[in-house]
Amino acid sequence: MSIRRLRTEARYSEIVIHNGTVYLAGQLDEHHSAGIEAQTRETLASIDRMLAEAGTDKTRILSVTIFLKDMATDFAGMNAVWDSWVPKGAAPARATVEAKLYSPDVLVEMTVIAALP
């Protein structure tokens, strides 16, 4: 089986496709200067773009891992945006954890595994 890597840099690839499955590197708001709702919207928009580039979409997401800077502060706001983004009947498996992210301004990061059509 071949492995396709898209948007490859020295340390990682943004998208890896193997055996009908798409793996996205951690997605986040590039500007990370706004609050949790705005950062979540931008993160999800990035996921939409990456999935489209890989040839799939959010209805085919299998699993998402969400990393939040602060569960107590950010969980409800992230979920409000998430709930309006996830297609009805197509909610993926999901884990949400609190994590120290690479910059103090980053409030949310998400990794995604999706199926190709």
PDB file of N, CA and C in Angstrom:
ATOM      1  N   MET A   1       0.836  -1.178   0.000  1.00  0.00           N
ATOM      2  CA  MET A   1       0.000   0.000   0.000  1.00  0.00           C
ATOM      3  C   MET A   1       0.887   1.251   0.000  1.00  0.00           C
ATOM      4  N   SER A   2       0.515   2.182  -0.837  1.00  0.00           N
ATOM      5  CA  SER A   2       1.278   3.423  -0.888  1.00  0.00           C
ATOM      6  C   SER A   2       0.840   4.374   0.229  1.00  0.00           C
ATOM      7  N   ILE A   3       1.726   5.267   0.559  1.00  0.00           N
ATOM      8  CA  ILE A   3       1.453   6.317   1.542  1.00  0.00           C
ATOM      9  C   ILE A   3       1.651   7.651   0.836  1.00  0.00           C
ATOM     10  N   ARG A   4       0.613   8.498   0.854  1.00  0.00           N
ATOM     11  CA  ARG A   4       0.710   9.851   0.284  1.00  0.00           C
ATOM     12  C   ARG A   4       0.844  10.843   1.428  1.00  0.00           C
ATOM     13  N   ARG A   5       1.793  11.749   1.266  1.00  0.00           N
ATOM     14  CA  ARG A   5       2.005  12.793   2.265  1.00  0.00           C
ATOM     15  C   ARG A   5       1.841  14.141   1.568  1.00  0.00           C
ATOM     16  N   LEU A   6       0.967  14.983   2.117  1.00  0.00           N
ATOM     17  CA  LEU A   6       0.710  16.290   1.542  1.00  0.00           C
ATOM     18  C   LEU A   6       1.116  17.371   2.537  1.00  0.00           C
ATOM     19  N   ARG A   7       1.589  18.493   1.999  1.00  0.00           N
ATOM     20  CA  ARG A   7       2.030  19.606   2.845  1.00  0.00           C
ATOM     21  C   ARG A   7       3.114  19.146   3.831  1.00  0.00           C
ATOM     22  N   THR A   8       4.092  18.466   3.286  1.00  0.00           N
ATOM     23  CA  THR A   8       5.164  17.913   4.098  1.00  0.00           C
ATOM     24  C   THR A   8       6.218  18.971   4.415  1.00  0.00           C
ATOM     25  N   GLU A   9       6.612  19.009   5.665  1.00  0.00           N
ATOM     26  CA  GLU A   9       7.689  19.880   6.131  1.00  0.00           C
ATOM     27  C   GLU A   9       8.771  18.980   6.726  1.00  0.00           C
ATOM     28  N   ALA A  10       9.787  19.574   7.284  1.00  0.00           N
ATOM     29  CA  ALA A  10      10.908  18.791   7.823  1.00  0.00           C
ATOM     30  C   ALA A  10      10.467  17.866   8.955  1.00  0.00           C
ATOM     31  N   ARG A  11       9.535  18.330   9.808  1.00  0.00           N
ATOM     32  CA  ARG A  11       9.163  17.563  10.998  1.00  0.00           C
ATOM     33  C   ARG A  11       7.889  16.751  10.861  1.00  0.00           C
ATOM     34  N   TYR A  12       7.021  17.135   9.952  1.00  0.00           N
ATOM     35  CA  TYR A  12       5.729  16.452   9.867  1.00  0.00           C
ATOM     36  C   TYR A  12       5.059  16.737   8.532  1.00  0.00           C
ATOM     37  N   SER A  13       4.018  15.965   8.248  1.00  0.00           N
ATOM     38  CA  SER A  13       3.138  16.217   7.111  1.00  0.00           C
ATOM     39  C   SER A  13       1.785  16.637   7.661  1.00  0.00           C
ATOM     40  N   GLU A  14       1.171  17.634   7.046  1.00  0.00           N
ATOM     41  CA  GLU A  14      -0.158  18.068   7.477  1.00  0.00           C
ATOM     42  C   GLU A  14      -1.202  16.989   7.221  1.00  0.00           C
ATOM     43  N   ILE A  15      -1.033  16.266   6.096  1.00  0.00           N
ATOM     44  CA  ILE A  15      -1.993  15.245   5.693  1.00  0.00           C
ATOM     45  C   ILE A  15      -1.226  13.989   5.289  1.00  0.00           C
ATOM     46  N   VAL A  16      -1.662  12.854   5.818  1.00  0.00           N
ATOM     47  CA  VAL A  16      -1.111  11.568   5.387  1.00  0.00           C
ATOM     48  C   VAL A  16      -2.296  10.685   5.004  1.00  0.00           C
ATOM     49  N   ILE A  17      -2.194  10.052   3.841  1.00  0.00           N
ATOM     50  CA  ILE A  17      -3.261   9.193   3.333  1.00  0.00           C
ATOM     51  C   ILE A  17      -2.694   7.803   3.129  1.00  0.00           C
ATOM     52  N   HIS A  18      -3.360   6.821   3.729  1.00  0.00           N
ATOM     53  CA  HIS A  18      -2.920   5.429   3.618  1.00  0.00           C
ATOM     54  C   HIS A  18      -4.123   4.502   3.733  1.00  0.00           C
ATOM     55  N   ASN A  19      -4.229   3.591   2.801  1.00  0.00           N
ATOM     56  CA  ASN A  19      -5.232   2.530   2.876  1.00  0.00           C
ATOM     57  C   ASN A  19      -6.657   3.081   3.090  1.00  0.00           C
ATOM     58  N   GLY A  20      -6.990   4.149   2.372  1.00  0.00           N
ATOM     59  CA  GLY A  20      -8.330   4.709   2.437  1.00  0.00           C
ATOM     60  C   GLY A  20      -8.610   5.545   3.672  1.00  0.00           C
ATOM     61  N   THR A  21      -7.567   5.863   4.438  1.00  0.00           N
ATOM     62  CA  THR A  21      -7.731   6.645   5.661  1.00  0.00           C
ATOM     63  C   THR A  21      -6.874   7.900   5.571  1.00  0.00           C
ATOM     64  N   VAL A  22      -7.431   9.013   6.037  1.00  0.00           N
ATOM     65  CA  VAL A  22      -6.747  10.304   6.044  1.00  0.00           C
ATOM     66  C   VAL A  22      -6.417  10.664   7.491  1.00  0.00           C
ATOM     67  N   TYR A  23      -5.178  11.047   7.716  1.00  0.00           N
ATOM     68  CA  TYR A  23      -4.716  11.473   9.033  1.00  0.00           C
ATOM     69  C   TYR A  23      -4.293  12.934   8.933  1.00  0.00           C
ATOM     70  N   LEU A  24      -4.856  13.789   9.778  1.00  0.00           N
ATOM     71  CA  LEU A  24      -4.468  15.190   9.794  1.00  0.00           C
ATOM     72  C   LEU A  24      -3.595  15.465  11.014  1.00  0.00           C
ATOM     73  N   ALA A  25      -2.529  16.225  10.783  1.00  0.00           N
ATOM     74  CA  ALA A  25      -1.712  16.703  11.901  1.00  0.00           C
ATOM     75  C   ALA A  25      -2.565  17.655  12.733  1.00  0.00           C
ATOM     76  N   GLY A  26      -2.077  18.022  13.892  1.00  0.00           N
ATOM     77  CA  GLY A  26      -2.809  18.938  14.757  1.00  0.00           C
ATOM     78  C   GLY A  26      -3.163  20.227  14.028  1.00  0.00           C
ATOM     79  N   GLN A  27      -4.452  20.555  14.017  1.00  0.00           N
ATOM     80  CA  GLN A  27      -4.942  21.765  13.366  1.00  0.00           C
ATOM     81  C   GLN A  27      -5.291  22.789  14.434  1.00  0.00           C
ATOM     82  N   LEU A  28      -4.988  24.057  14.138  1.00  0.00           N
ATOM     83  CA  LEU A  28      -5.293  25.129  15.077  1.00  0.00           C
ATOM     84  C   LEU A  28      -5.436  26.437  14.334  1.00  0.00           C
ATOM     85  N   ASP A  29      -5.944  27.437  15.028  1.00  0.00           N
ATOM     86  CA  ASP A  29      -6.074  28.787  14.485  1.00  0.00           C
ATOM     87  C   ASP A  29      -4.671  29.356  14.317  1.00  0.00           C
ATOM     88  N   GLU A  30      -4.322  29.750  13.095  1.00  0.00           N
ATOM     89  CA  GLU A  30      -2.973  30.253  12.821  1.00  0.00           C
ATOM     90  C   GLU A  30      -2.652  31.535  13.580  1.00  0.00           C
ATOM     91  N   HIS A  31      -3.651  32.348  13.875  1.00  0.00           N
ATOM     92  CA  HIS A  31      -3.409  33.638  14.518  1.00  0.00           C
ATOM     93  C   HIS A  31      -3.469  33.532  16.040  1.00  0.00           C
ATOM     94  N   HIS A  32      -4.221  32.608  16.546  1.00  0.00           N
ATOM     95  CA  HIS A  32      -4.437  32.323  17.970  1.00  0.00           C
ATOM     96  C   HIS A  32      -4.379  33.556  18.868  1.00  0.00           C
ATOM     97  N   SER A  33      -5.127  34.592  18.446  1.00  0.00           N
ATOM     98  CA  SER A  33      -5.182  35.807  19.260  1.00  0.00           C
ATOM     99  C   SER A  33      -6.585  36.057  19.815  1.00  0.00           C
ATOM    100  N   ALA A  34      -7.565  35.264  19.399  1.00  0.00           N
ATOM    101  CA  ALA A  34      -8.954  35.457  19.824  1.00  0.00           C
ATOM    102  C   ALA A  34      -9.326  34.452  20.912  1.00  0.00           C
ATOM    103  N   GLY A  35     -10.576  34.482  21.338  1.00  0.00           N
ATOM    104  CA  GLY A  35     -11.068  33.583  22.364  1.00  0.00           C
ATOM    105  C   GLY A  35     -11.340  32.182  21.840  1.00  0.00           C
ATOM    106  N   ILE A  36     -11.834  31.328  22.706  1.00  0.00           N
ATOM    107  CA  ILE A  36     -12.018  29.915  22.374  1.00  0.00           C
ATOM    108  C   ILE A  36     -12.995  29.698  21.225  1.00  0.00           C
ATOM    109  N   GLU A  37     -14.087  30.453  21.168  1.00  0.00           N
ATOM    110  CA  GLU A  37     -15.055  30.252  20.095  1.00  0.00           C
ATOM    111  C   GLU A  37     -14.431  30.557  18.737  1.00  0.00           C
ATOM    112  N   ALA A  38     -13.745  31.689  18.626  1.00  0.00           N
ATOM    113  CA  ALA A  38     -13.111  32.057  17.362  1.00  0.00           C
ATOM    114  C   ALA A  38     -12.004  31.075  16.996  1.00  0.00           C
ATOM    115  N   GLN A  39     -11.189  30.682  17.968  1.00  0.00           N
ATOM    116  CA  GLN A  39     -10.125  29.716  17.675  1.00  0.00           C
ATOM    117  C   GLN A  39     -10.710  28.374  17.244  1.00  0.00           C
ATOM    118  N   THR A  40     -11.808  27.969  17.863  1.00  0.00           N
ATOM    119  CA  THR A  40     -12.441  26.705  17.467  1.00  0.00           C
ATOM    120  C   THR A  40     -12.977  26.802  16.046  1.00  0.00           C
ATOM    121  N   ARG A  41     -13.647  27.908  15.707  1.00  0.00           N
ATOM    122  CA  ARG A  41     -14.161  28.083  14.339  1.00  0.00           C
ATOM    123  C   ARG A  41     -13.033  28.015  13.318  1.00  0.00           C
ATOM    124  N   GLU A  42     -11.928  28.695  13.588  1.00  0.00           N
ATOM    125  CA  GLU A  42     -10.794  28.682  12.660  1.00  0.00           C
ATOM    126  C   GLU A  42     -10.151  27.299  12.566  1.00  0.00           C
ATOM    127  N   THR A  43     -10.077  26.602  13.670  1.00  0.00           N
ATOM    128  CA  THR A  43      -9.530  25.241  13.668  1.00  0.00           C
ATOM    129  C   THR A  43     -10.401  24.325  12.825  1.00  0.00           C
ATOM    130  N   LEU A  44     -11.704  24.415  12.995  1.00  0.00           N
ATOM    131  CA  LEU A  44     -12.628  23.577  12.216  1.00  0.00           C
ATOM    132  C   LEU A  44     -12.606  23.954  10.736  1.00  0.00           C
ATOM    133  N   ALA A  45     -12.447  25.231  10.428  1.00  0.00           N
ATOM    134  CA  ALA A  45     -12.320  25.653   9.030  1.00  0.00           C
ATOM    135  C   ALA A  45     -11.049  25.063   8.411  1.00  0.00           C
ATOM    136  N   SER A  46      -9.973  25.026   9.180  1.00  0.00           N
ATOM    137  CA  SER A  46      -8.737  24.415   8.704  1.00  0.00           C
ATOM    138  C   SER A  46      -8.940  22.929   8.444  1.00  0.00           C
ATOM    139  N   ILE A  47      -9.655  22.259   9.342  1.00  0.00           N
ATOM    140  CA  ILE A  47      -9.954  20.835   9.149  1.00  0.00           C
ATOM    141  C   ILE A  47     -10.765  20.641   7.867  1.00  0.00           C
ATOM    142  N   ASP A  48     -11.773  21.476   7.642  1.00  0.00           N
ATOM    143  CA  ASP A  48     -12.559  21.386   6.404  1.00  0.00           C
ATOM    144  C   ASP A  48     -11.668  21.512   5.175  1.00  0.00           C
ATOM    145  N   ARG A  49     -10.755  22.483   5.191  1.00  0.00           N
ATOM    146  CA  ARG A  49      -9.861  22.689   4.042  1.00  0.00           C
ATOM    147  C   ARG A  49      -8.938  21.490   3.824  1.00  0.00           C
ATOM    148  N   MET A  50      -8.353  20.982   4.896  1.00  0.00           N
ATOM    149  CA  MET A  50      -7.422  19.852   4.777  1.00  0.00           C
ATOM    150  C   MET A  50      -8.136  18.597   4.290  1.00  0.00           C
ATOM    151  N   LEU A  51      -9.330  18.354   4.815  1.00  0.00           N
ATOM    152  CA  LEU A  51     -10.090  17.188   4.371  1.00  0.00           C
ATOM    153  C   LEU A  51     -10.451  17.306   2.895  1.00  0.00           C
ATOM    154  N   ALA A  52     -10.855  18.487   2.451  1.00  0.00           N
ATOM    155  CA  ALA A  52     -11.175  18.693   1.034  1.00  0.00           C
ATOM    156  C   ALA A  52      -9.944  18.440   0.167  1.00  0.00           C
ATOM    157  N   GLU A  53      -8.796  18.920   0.603  1.00  0.00           N
ATOM    158  CA  GLU A  53      -7.557  18.695  -0.145  1.00  0.00           C
ATOM    159  C   GLU A  53      -7.236  17.203  -0.244  1.00  0.00           C
ATOM    160  N   ALA A  54      -7.582  16.463   0.795  1.00  0.00           N
ATOM    161  CA  ALA A  54      -7.321  15.018   0.799  1.00  0.00           C
ATOM    162  C   ALA A  54      -8.377  14.235   0.031  1.00  0.00           C
ATOM    163  N   GLY A  55      -9.498  14.887  -0.321  1.00  0.00           N
ATOM    164  CA  GLY A  55     -10.542  14.217  -1.089  1.00  0.00           C
ATOM    165  C   GLY A  55     -11.684  13.669  -0.256  1.00  0.00           C
ATOM    166  N   THR A  56     -11.897  14.232   0.931  1.00  0.00           N
ATOM    167  CA  THR A  56     -12.983  13.767   1.783  1.00  0.00           C
ATOM    168  C   THR A  56     -13.614  14.970   2.486  1.00  0.00           C
ATOM    169  N   ASP A  57     -14.469  14.730   3.463  1.00  0.00           N
ATOM    170  CA  ASP A  57     -15.102  15.835   4.181  1.00  0.00           C
ATOM    171  C   ASP A  57     -15.480  15.409   5.596  1.00  0.00           C
ATOM    172  N   LYS A  58     -16.051  16.352   6.352  1.00  0.00           N
ATOM    173  CA  LYS A  58     -16.319  16.115   7.766  1.00  0.00           C
ATOM    174  C   LYS A  58     -17.360  15.034   8.030  1.00  0.00           C
ATOM    175  N   THR A  59     -18.165  14.678   7.049  1.00  0.00           N
ATOM    176  CA  THR A  59     -19.135  13.592   7.251  1.00  0.00           C
ATOM    177  C   THR A  59     -18.443  12.238   7.340  1.00  0.00           C
ATOM    178  N   ARG A  60     -17.166  12.180   6.967  1.00  0.00           N
ATOM    179  CA  ARG A  60     -16.417  10.922   6.945  1.00  0.00           C
ATOM    180  C   ARG A  60     -15.357  10.863   8.047  1.00  0.00           C
ATOM    181  N   ILE A  61     -15.418  11.805   8.997  1.00  0.00           N
ATOM    182  CA  ILE A  61     -14.463  11.780  10.114  1.00  0.00           C
ATOM    183  C   ILE A  61     -14.771  10.593  11.011  1.00  0.00           C
ATOM    184  N   LEU A  62     -13.749   9.833  11.327  1.00  0.00           N
ATOM    185  CA  LEU A  62     -13.873   8.666  12.204  1.00  0.00           C
ATOM    186  C   LEU A  62     -13.584   9.021  13.656  1.00  0.00           C
ATOM    187  N   SER A  63     -12.549   9.842  13.857  1.00  0.00           N
ATOM    188  CA  SER A  63     -12.098  10.126  15.210  1.00  0.00           C
ATOM    189  C   SER A  63     -11.443  11.503  15.272  1.00  0.00           C
ATOM    190  N   VAL A  64     -11.656  12.196  16.385  1.00  0.00           N
ATOM    191  CA  VAL A  64     -11.029  13.490  16.636  1.00  0.00           C
ATOM    192  C   VAL A  64     -10.481  13.485  18.060  1.00  0.00           C
ATOM    193  N   THR A  65      -9.270  13.984  18.216  1.00  0.00           N
ATOM    194  CA  THR A  65      -8.733  14.244  19.543  1.00  0.00           C
ATOM    195  C   THR A  65      -8.607  15.754  19.669  1.00  0.00           C
ATOM    196  N   ILE A  66      -9.229  16.292  20.719  1.00  0.00           N
ATOM    197  CA  ILE A  66      -9.231  17.730  20.961  1.00  0.00           C
ATOM    198  C   ILE A  66      -8.370  18.019  22.182  1.00  0.00           C
ATOM    199  N   PHE A  67      -7.437  18.936  22.004  1.00  0.00           N
ATOM    200  CA  PHE A  67      -6.564  19.372  23.082  1.00  0.00           C
ATOM    201  C   PHE A  67      -6.980  20.786  23.470  1.00  0.00           C
ATOM    202  N   LEU A  68      -7.360  20.978  24.718  1.00  0.00           N
ATOM    203  CA  LEU A  68      -7.743  22.294  25.216  1.00  0.00           C
ATOM    204  C   LEU A  68      -6.725  22.786  26.237  1.00  0.00           C
ATOM    205  N   LYS A  69      -6.442  24.068  26.193  1.00  0.00           N
ATOM    206  CA  LYS A  69      -5.527  24.653  27.171  1.00  0.00           C
ATOM    207  C   LYS A  69      -6.110  24.559  28.574  1.00  0.00           C
ATOM    208  N   ASP A  70      -7.417  24.811  28.697  1.00  0.00           N
ATOM    209  CA  ASP A  70      -8.056  24.832  30.008  1.00  0.00           C
ATOM    210  C   ASP A  70      -9.471  24.280  29.896  1.00  0.00           C
ATOM    211  N   MET A  71      -9.689  23.074  30.376  1.00  0.00           N
ATOM    212  CA  MET A  71     -11.013  22.440  30.291  1.00  0.00           C
ATOM    213  C   MET A  71     -12.069  23.272  31.011  1.00  0.00           C
ATOM    214  N   ALA A  72     -11.758  23.784  32.177  1.00  0.00           N
ATOM    215  CA  ALA A  72     -12.739  24.515  32.980  1.00  0.00           C
ATOM    216  C   ALA A  72     -13.202  25.786  32.265  1.00  0.00           C
ATOM    217  N   THR A  73     -12.299  26.461  31.595  1.00  0.00           N
ATOM    218  CA  THR A  73     -12.609  27.724  30.939  1.00  0.00           C
ATOM    219  C   THR A  73     -13.132  27.544  29.521  1.00  0.00           C
ATOM    220  N   ASP A  74     -12.597  26.573  28.786  1.00  0.00           N
ATOM    221  CA  ASP A  74     -12.805  26.508  27.340  1.00  0.00           C
ATOM    222  C   ASP A  74     -13.736  25.409  26.833  1.00  0.00           C
ATOM    223  N   PHE A  75     -14.062  24.434  27.654  1.00  0.00           N
ATOM    224  CA  PHE A  75     -14.834  23.270  27.190  1.00  0.00           C
ATOM    225  C   PHE A  75     -16.205  23.674  26.647  1.00  0.00           C
ATOM    226  N   ALA A  76     -16.951  24.480  27.370  1.00  0.00           N
ATOM    227  CA  ALA A  76     -18.303  24.856  26.941  1.00  0.00           C
ATOM    228  C   ALA A  76     -18.274  25.675  25.653  1.00  0.00           C
ATOM    229  N   GLY A  77     -17.374  26.637  25.562  1.00  0.00           N
ATOM    230  CA  GLY A  77     -17.280  27.460  24.354  1.00  0.00           C
ATOM    231  C   GLY A  77     -16.870  26.665  23.141  1.00  0.00           C
ATOM    232  N   MET A  78     -15.902  25.765  23.316  1.00  0.00           N
ATOM    233  CA  MET A  78     -15.489  24.901  22.207  1.00  0.00           C
ATOM    234  C   MET A  78     -16.657  24.037  21.763  1.00  0.00           C
ATOM    235  N   ASN A  79     -17.373  23.434  22.722  1.00  0.00           N
ATOM    236  CA  ASN A  79     -18.494  22.561  22.378  1.00  0.00           C
ATOM    237  C   ASN A  79     -19.619  23.303  21.667  1.00  0.00           C
ATOM    238  N   ALA A  80     -19.866  24.542  22.012  1.00  0.00           N
ATOM    239  CA  ALA A  80     -20.911  25.319  21.342  1.00  0.00           C
ATOM    240  C   ALA A  80     -20.619  25.443  19.852  1.00  0.00           C
ATOM    241  N   VAL A  81     -19.372  25.717  19.508  1.00  0.00           N
ATOM    242  CA  VAL A  81     -18.977  25.825  18.102  1.00  0.00           C
ATOM    243  C   VAL A  81     -18.943  24.440  17.462  1.00  0.00           C
ATOM    244  N   TRP A  82     -18.376  23.476  18.152  1.00  0.00           N
ATOM    245  CA  TRP A  82     -18.295  22.099  17.652  1.00  0.00           C
ATOM    246  C   TRP A  82     -19.686  21.574  17.302  1.00  0.00           C
ATOM    247  N   ASP A  83     -20.644  21.751  18.218  1.00  0.00           N
ATOM    248  CA  ASP A  83     -21.990  21.205  18.026  1.00  0.00           C
ATOM    249  C   ASP A  83     -22.662  21.769  16.781  1.00  0.00           C
ATOM    250  N   SER A  84     -22.394  23.014  16.442  1.00  0.00           N
ATOM    251  CA  SER A  84     -22.998  23.595  15.235  1.00  0.00           C
ATOM    252  C   SER A  84     -22.257  23.174  13.966  1.00  0.00           C
ATOM    253  N   TRP A  85     -21.044  22.670  14.091  1.00  0.00           N
ATOM    254  CA  TRP A  85     -20.231  22.259  12.943  1.00  0.00           C
ATOM    255  C   TRP A  85     -20.427  20.791  12.571  1.00  0.00           C
ATOM    256  N   VAL A  86     -20.604  19.939  13.553  1.00  0.00           N
ATOM    257  CA  VAL A  86     -20.696  18.497  13.295  1.00  0.00           C
ATOM    258  C   VAL A  86     -22.027  18.177  12.605  1.00  0.00           C
ATOM    259  N   PRO A  87     -21.978  17.459  11.476  1.00  0.00           N
ATOM    260  CA  PRO A  87     -23.217  17.100  10.789  1.00  0.00           C
ATOM    261  C   PRO A  87     -24.068  16.147  11.644  1.00  0.00           C
ATOM    262  N   LYS A  88     -25.359  16.395  11.665  1.00  0.00           N
ATOM    263  CA  LYS A  88     -26.265  15.509  12.419  1.00  0.00           C
ATOM    264  C   LYS A  88     -26.131  14.082  11.916  1.00  0.00           C
ATOM    265  N   GLY A  89     -26.012  13.156  12.839  1.00  0.00           N
ATOM    266  CA  GLY A  89     -25.886  11.748  12.486  1.00  0.00           C
ATOM    267  C   GLY A  89     -24.494  11.326  12.068  1.00  0.00           C
ATOM    268  N   ALA A  90     -23.527  12.244  12.072  1.00  0.00           N
ATOM    269  CA  ALA A  90     -22.169  11.904  11.631  1.00  0.00           C
ATOM    270  C   ALA A  90     -21.125  12.289  12.678  1.00  0.00           C
ATOM    271  N   ALA A  91     -21.515  12.325  13.940  1.00  0.00           N
ATOM    272  CA  ALA A  91     -20.555  12.666  14.990  1.00  0.00           C
ATOM    273  C   ALA A  91     -19.488  11.570  15.093  1.00  0.00           C
ATOM    274  N   PRO A  92     -18.218  11.965  15.069  1.00  0.00           N
ATOM    275  CA  PRO A  92     -17.146  10.974  15.159  1.00  0.00           C
ATOM    276  C   PRO A  92     -16.892  10.541  16.604  1.00  0.00           C
ATOM    277  N   ALA A  93     -16.109   9.517  16.760  1.00  0.00           N
ATOM    278  CA  ALA A  93     -15.560   9.202  18.078  1.00  0.00           C
ATOM    279  C   ALA A  93     -14.701  10.399  18.464  1.00  0.00           C
ATOM    280  N   ARG A  94     -14.692  10.731  19.767  1.00  0.00           N
ATOM    281  CA  ARG A  94     -13.995  11.949  20.167  1.00  0.00           C
ATOM    282  C   ARG A  94     -13.430  11.815  21.568  1.00  0.00           C
ATOM    283  N   ALA A  95     -12.248  12.366  21.752  1.00  0.00           N
ATOM    284  CA  ALA A  95     -11.655  12.502  23.083  1.00  0.00           C
ATOM    285  C   ALA A  95     -11.237  13.956  23.235  1.00  0.00           C
ATOM    286  N   THR A  96     -11.465  14.499  24.420  1.00  0.00           N
ATOM    287  CA  THR A  96     -11.053  15.875  24.713  1.00  0.00           C
ATOM    288  C   THR A  96     -10.202  15.844  25.973  1.00  0.00           C
ATOM    289  N   VAL A  97      -9.014  16.424  25.869  1.00  0.00           N
ATOM    290  CA  VAL A  97      -8.095  16.428  27.001  1.00  0.00           C
ATOM    291  C   VAL A  97      -7.538  17.830  27.222  1.00  0.00           C
ATOM    292  N   GLU A  98      -7.165  18.106  28.448  1.00  0.00           N
ATOM    293  CA  GLU A  98      -6.474  19.354  28.757  1.00  0.00           C
ATOM    294  C   GLU A  98      -4.993  19.133  28.513  1.00  0.00           C
ATOM    295  N   ALA A  99      -4.359  20.106  27.860  1.00  0.00           N
ATOM    296  CA  ALA A  99      -2.947  19.941  27.517  1.00  0.00           C
ATOM    297  C   ALA A  99      -2.244  21.290  27.495  1.00  0.00           C
ATOM    298  N   LYS A 100      -0.980  21.270  27.822  1.00  0.00           N
ATOM    299  CA  LYS A 100      -0.149  22.454  27.655  1.00  0.00           C
ATOM    300  C   LYS A 100       0.243  22.490  26.182  1.00  0.00           C
ATOM    301  N   LEU A 101      -0.218  23.504  25.467  1.00  0.00           N
ATOM    302  CA  LEU A 101       0.018  23.596  24.032  1.00  0.00           C
ATOM    303  C   LEU A 101       1.285  24.407  23.750  1.00  0.00           C
ATOM    304  N   TYR A 102       1.710  24.415  22.495  1.00  0.00           N
ATOM    305  CA  TYR A 102       3.027  24.953  22.169  1.00  0.00           C
ATOM    306  C   TYR A 102       3.195  26.454  22.425  1.00  0.00           C
ATOM    307  N   SER A 103       2.090  27.195  22.494  1.00  0.00           N
ATOM    308  CA  SER A 103       2.149  28.629  22.782  1.00  0.00           C
ATOM    309  C   SER A 103       1.052  28.959  23.789  1.00  0.00           C
ATOM    310  N   PRO A 104       1.292  29.861  24.716  1.00  0.00           N
ATOM    311  CA  PRO A 104       0.273  30.219  25.709  1.00  0.00           C
ATOM    312  C   PRO A 104      -1.004  30.801  25.095  1.00  0.00           C
ATOM    313  N   ASP A 105      -0.913  31.345  23.874  1.00  0.00           N
ATOM    314  CA  ASP A 105      -2.079  31.925  23.203  1.00  0.00           C
ATOM    315  C   ASP A 105      -2.958  30.887  22.522  1.00  0.00           C
ATOM    316  N   VAL A 106      -2.444  29.682  22.295  1.00  0.00           N
ATOM    317  CA  VAL A 106      -3.221  28.626  21.641  1.00  0.00           C
ATOM    318  C   VAL A 106      -4.154  28.008  22.670  1.00  0.00           C
ATOM    319  N   LEU A 107      -5.451  28.043  22.374  1.00  0.00           N
ATOM    320  CA  LEU A 107      -6.451  27.514  23.303  1.00  0.00           C
ATOM    321  C   LEU A 107      -6.957  26.137  22.902  1.00  0.00           C
ATOM    322  N   VAL A 108      -6.855  25.791  21.603  1.00  0.00           N
ATOM    323  CA  VAL A 108      -7.392  24.524  21.124  1.00  0.00           C
ATOM    324  C   VAL A 108      -6.579  24.024  19.925  1.00  0.00           C
ATOM    325  N   GLU A 109      -6.399  22.714  19.869  1.00  0.00           N
ATOM    326  CA  GLU A 109      -5.762  22.035  18.745  1.00  0.00           C
ATOM    327  C   GLU A 109      -6.485  20.715  18.547  1.00  0.00           C
ATOM    328  N   MET A 110      -6.653  20.280  17.307  1.00  0.00           N
ATOM    329  CA  MET A 110      -7.379  19.044  17.029  1.00  0.00           C
ATOM    330  C   MET A 110      -6.631  18.186  16.012  1.00  0.00           C
ATOM    331  N   THR A 111      -6.597  16.882  16.267  1.00  0.00           N
ATOM    332  CA  THR A 111      -6.106  15.913  15.300  1.00  0.00           C
ATOM    333  C   THR A 111      -7.291  15.114  14.796  1.00  0.00           C
ATOM    334  N   VAL A 112      -7.230  14.680  13.541  1.00  0.00           N
ATOM    335  CA  VAL A 112      -8.382  14.066  12.894  1.00  0.00           C
ATOM    336  C   VAL A 112      -7.953  12.827  12.120  1.00  0.00           C
ATOM    337  N   ILE A 113      -8.808  11.811  12.167  1.00  0.00           N
ATOM    338  CA  ILE A 113      -8.688  10.632  11.304  1.00  0.00           C
ATOM    339  C   ILE A 113     -10.009  10.516  10.565  1.00  0.00           C
ATOM    340  N   ALA A 114      -9.945  10.404   9.234  1.00  0.00           N
ATOM    341  CA  ALA A 114     -11.156  10.343   8.411  1.00  0.00           C
ATOM    342  C   ALA A 114     -11.012   9.278   7.338  1.00  0.00           C
ATOM    343  N   ALA A 115     -12.141   8.845   6.818  1.00  0.00           N
ATOM    344  CA  ALA A 115     -12.165   7.864   5.731  1.00  0.00           C
ATOM    345  C   ALA A 115     -12.307   8.596   4.382  1.00  0.00           C
ATOM    346  N   LEU A 116     -11.692   8.039   3.371  1.00  0.00           N
ATOM    347  CA  LEU A 116     -11.931   8.519   2.013  1.00  0.00           C
ATOM    348  C   LEU A 116     -13.261   7.944   1.520  1.00  0.00           C
ATOM    349  N   PRO A 117     -13.904   8.624   0.577  1.00  0.00           N
ATOM    350  CA  PRO A 117     -15.163   8.070   0.026  1.00  0.00           C
ATOM    351  C   PRO A 117     -14.919   6.776  -0.732  1.00  0.00           C
TER     352      PRO A 117
END
